[in-house]
Protein backbone atom coordinates (compact mmCIF):
# COMPACT_ATOMS: atom_id res chain seq x y z
CA MET A 1 -15.80 -21.19 3.02
CA THR A 2 -15.60 -17.39 3.38
CA PRO A 3 -14.55 -15.80 0.16
CA GLN A 4 -10.98 -14.41 0.25
CA LEU A 5 -9.47 -11.71 -1.92
CA SER A 6 -7.15 -13.55 -4.24
CA MET A 7 -6.47 -11.37 -7.29
CA ILE A 8 -6.75 -7.81 -8.52
CA GLY A 9 -7.34 -7.82 -12.25
CA LEU A 10 -6.51 -4.92 -14.62
CA ALA A 11 -7.89 -4.59 -18.10
CA VAL A 12 -5.29 -2.84 -20.34
CA ALA A 13 -5.04 -1.62 -23.89
CA ASP A 14 -1.25 -2.10 -24.15
CA LEU A 15 0.39 -4.80 -22.09
CA PRO A 16 4.02 -3.65 -22.58
CA ARG A 17 3.12 0.01 -21.68
CA SER A 18 1.28 -1.15 -18.59
CA PHE A 19 4.18 -3.40 -17.54
CA ASP A 20 6.51 -0.56 -17.85
CA ILE A 21 4.47 1.55 -15.38
CA TYR A 22 4.17 -1.23 -12.84
CA ARG A 23 7.86 -2.25 -13.15
CA ARG A 24 8.65 1.33 -12.07
CA LEU A 25 6.57 0.51 -8.95
CA GLY A 26 8.74 -2.50 -8.04
CA LEU A 27 6.59 -5.28 -9.47
CA ASP A 28 8.53 -8.09 -11.14
CA LEU A 29 7.18 -7.98 -14.69
CA PRO A 30 8.91 -8.97 -17.95
CA ALA A 31 10.19 -6.20 -20.28
CA ASP A 32 8.47 -8.00 -23.13
CA PRO A 33 5.39 -9.99 -22.49
CA GLY A 34 5.65 -11.59 -25.94
CA ARG A 35 2.40 -12.64 -27.48
CA GLU A 36 0.70 -13.19 -24.10
CA GLN A 37 -2.49 -11.34 -23.55
CA HIS A 38 -2.92 -12.47 -19.96
CA HIS A 39 -0.26 -12.31 -17.31
CA GLU A 40 -0.34 -12.59 -13.58
CA ILE A 41 2.14 -12.47 -10.68
CA THR A 42 1.85 -13.39 -7.09
CA LEU A 43 2.90 -10.92 -4.46
CA PRO A 44 4.46 -11.81 -1.09
CA GLY A 45 1.50 -12.95 1.04
CA GLY A 46 -0.18 -14.67 -1.91
CA LEU A 47 -2.24 -11.82 -3.42
CA ARG A 48 -2.16 -12.05 -7.28
CA VAL A 49 -2.29 -9.11 -9.74
CA GLY A 50 -3.40 -9.99 -13.22
CA TRP A 51 -3.35 -8.08 -16.58
CA ASP A 52 -5.68 -8.90 -19.44
CA THR A 53 -5.73 -7.13 -22.76
CA LEU A 54 -9.06 -5.55 -23.91
CA GLU A 55 -9.21 -8.24 -26.60
CA VAL A 56 -9.17 -11.08 -23.96
CA ILE A 57 -11.84 -9.32 -21.87
CA ARG A 58 -14.05 -8.72 -24.96
CA GLY A 59 -13.65 -12.45 -25.81
CA PHE A 60 -16.02 -13.36 -23.00
CA SER A 61 -17.68 -9.91 -22.47
CA PRO A 62 -18.16 -8.41 -25.96
CA ASP A 63 -19.70 -5.18 -24.68
CA PHE A 64 -16.89 -4.41 -22.20
CA THR A 65 -15.93 -0.77 -22.17
CA PRO A 66 -12.99 0.40 -20.07
CA GLY A 67 -14.20 2.63 -17.30
CA THR A 68 -12.71 5.21 -14.99
CA GLY A 69 -12.37 4.86 -11.27
CA GLY A 70 -12.51 1.52 -9.75
CA PRO A 71 -10.04 0.13 -7.23
CA ALA A 72 -6.63 1.78 -6.96
CA LEU A 73 -3.35 0.10 -6.11
CA ALA A 74 -1.56 1.85 -3.25
CA PHE A 75 2.21 1.86 -3.01
CA ASP A 76 4.22 2.80 0.15
CA CYS A 77 7.21 4.73 -1.22
CA GLY A 78 9.13 4.77 2.09
CA THR A 79 9.83 8.49 2.34
CA PRO A 80 7.99 11.71 1.50
CA GLU A 81 10.77 12.58 -0.95
CA ALA A 82 10.34 9.20 -2.72
CA VAL A 83 6.58 9.95 -3.15
CA ASP A 84 7.53 13.14 -5.03
CA ALA A 85 10.19 11.42 -7.12
CA LYS A 86 7.95 8.50 -8.03
CA TYR A 87 5.08 10.85 -8.92
CA THR A 88 7.36 12.75 -11.34
CA GLU A 89 8.75 9.51 -12.80
CA LEU A 90 5.28 8.07 -13.49
CA ILE A 91 4.01 11.31 -15.10
CA GLU A 92 7.04 11.30 -17.40
CA ALA A 93 6.37 7.61 -18.17
CA GLY A 94 2.78 8.34 -19.40
CA CYS A 95 0.56 8.41 -16.34
CA THR A 96 -1.84 11.28 -15.66
CA GLY A 97 -1.72 13.24 -12.52
CA GLU A 98 -4.85 13.20 -10.46
CA SER A 99 -3.58 14.62 -7.14
CA LYS A 100 -0.07 16.09 -6.84
CA PRO A 101 1.95 15.15 -3.82
CA TRP A 102 0.69 16.87 -0.69
CA ASP A 103 0.98 16.46 3.11
CA ALA A 104 -2.34 14.91 3.98
CA PHE A 105 -4.01 15.55 7.22
CA TRP A 106 -3.98 11.88 8.11
CA GLY A 107 -0.16 12.01 8.43
CA GLN A 108 0.99 10.88 4.96
CA ARG A 109 2.74 12.47 1.96
CA TYR A 110 0.16 11.29 -0.63
CA ALA A 111 -0.34 11.53 -4.43
CA VAL A 112 -2.57 9.84 -7.07
CA VAL A 113 -1.87 9.14 -10.69
CA ARG A 114 -3.84 7.27 -13.32
CA ASP A 115 -2.04 4.65 -15.42
CA PRO A 116 -2.49 4.83 -19.21
CA ASP A 117 -5.61 2.64 -18.86
CA GLY A 118 -7.18 4.82 -16.20
CA HIS A 119 -6.40 2.64 -13.14
CA GLY A 120 -5.68 4.63 -9.97
CA ILE A 121 -2.20 4.38 -8.44
CA GLU A 122 -1.80 5.90 -4.97
CA LEU A 123 1.63 6.81 -3.72
CA PHE A 124 2.17 7.49 -0.05
CA SER A 125 4.64 7.65 2.80
CA ALA A 126 4.31 8.39 6.50
CA LEU A 127 5.30 11.98 7.32
CA PRO A 128 8.07 12.41 9.87
CA GLY A 129 7.11 12.66 13.53
């Protein structure tokens, strides 16, 4: 069998804080994860996104250190104005700006933030005509 991408996993320091950011991006996550330290959802099409607390990760990888970089999750915001608005909302919610919204040469309004755990979030929309 050919391997198939099935899940994107995020290591996070604070599950409720992370859920708040990703709920703002339209993912269906509970407001309060309770005592869970692992949570996953299945997106349309079957791809899963999973969150694990640092404690869970360190339970099987004691030397784990959160890094910077790595894969980013990209979200189509629908309009250039929505890219700008979502960027501002996420900065106010605790994300760090990496690339302010700009009209990219490849035909998109594009911006990048880092969530509170350093994971990249790309925001984009096609530019008109």
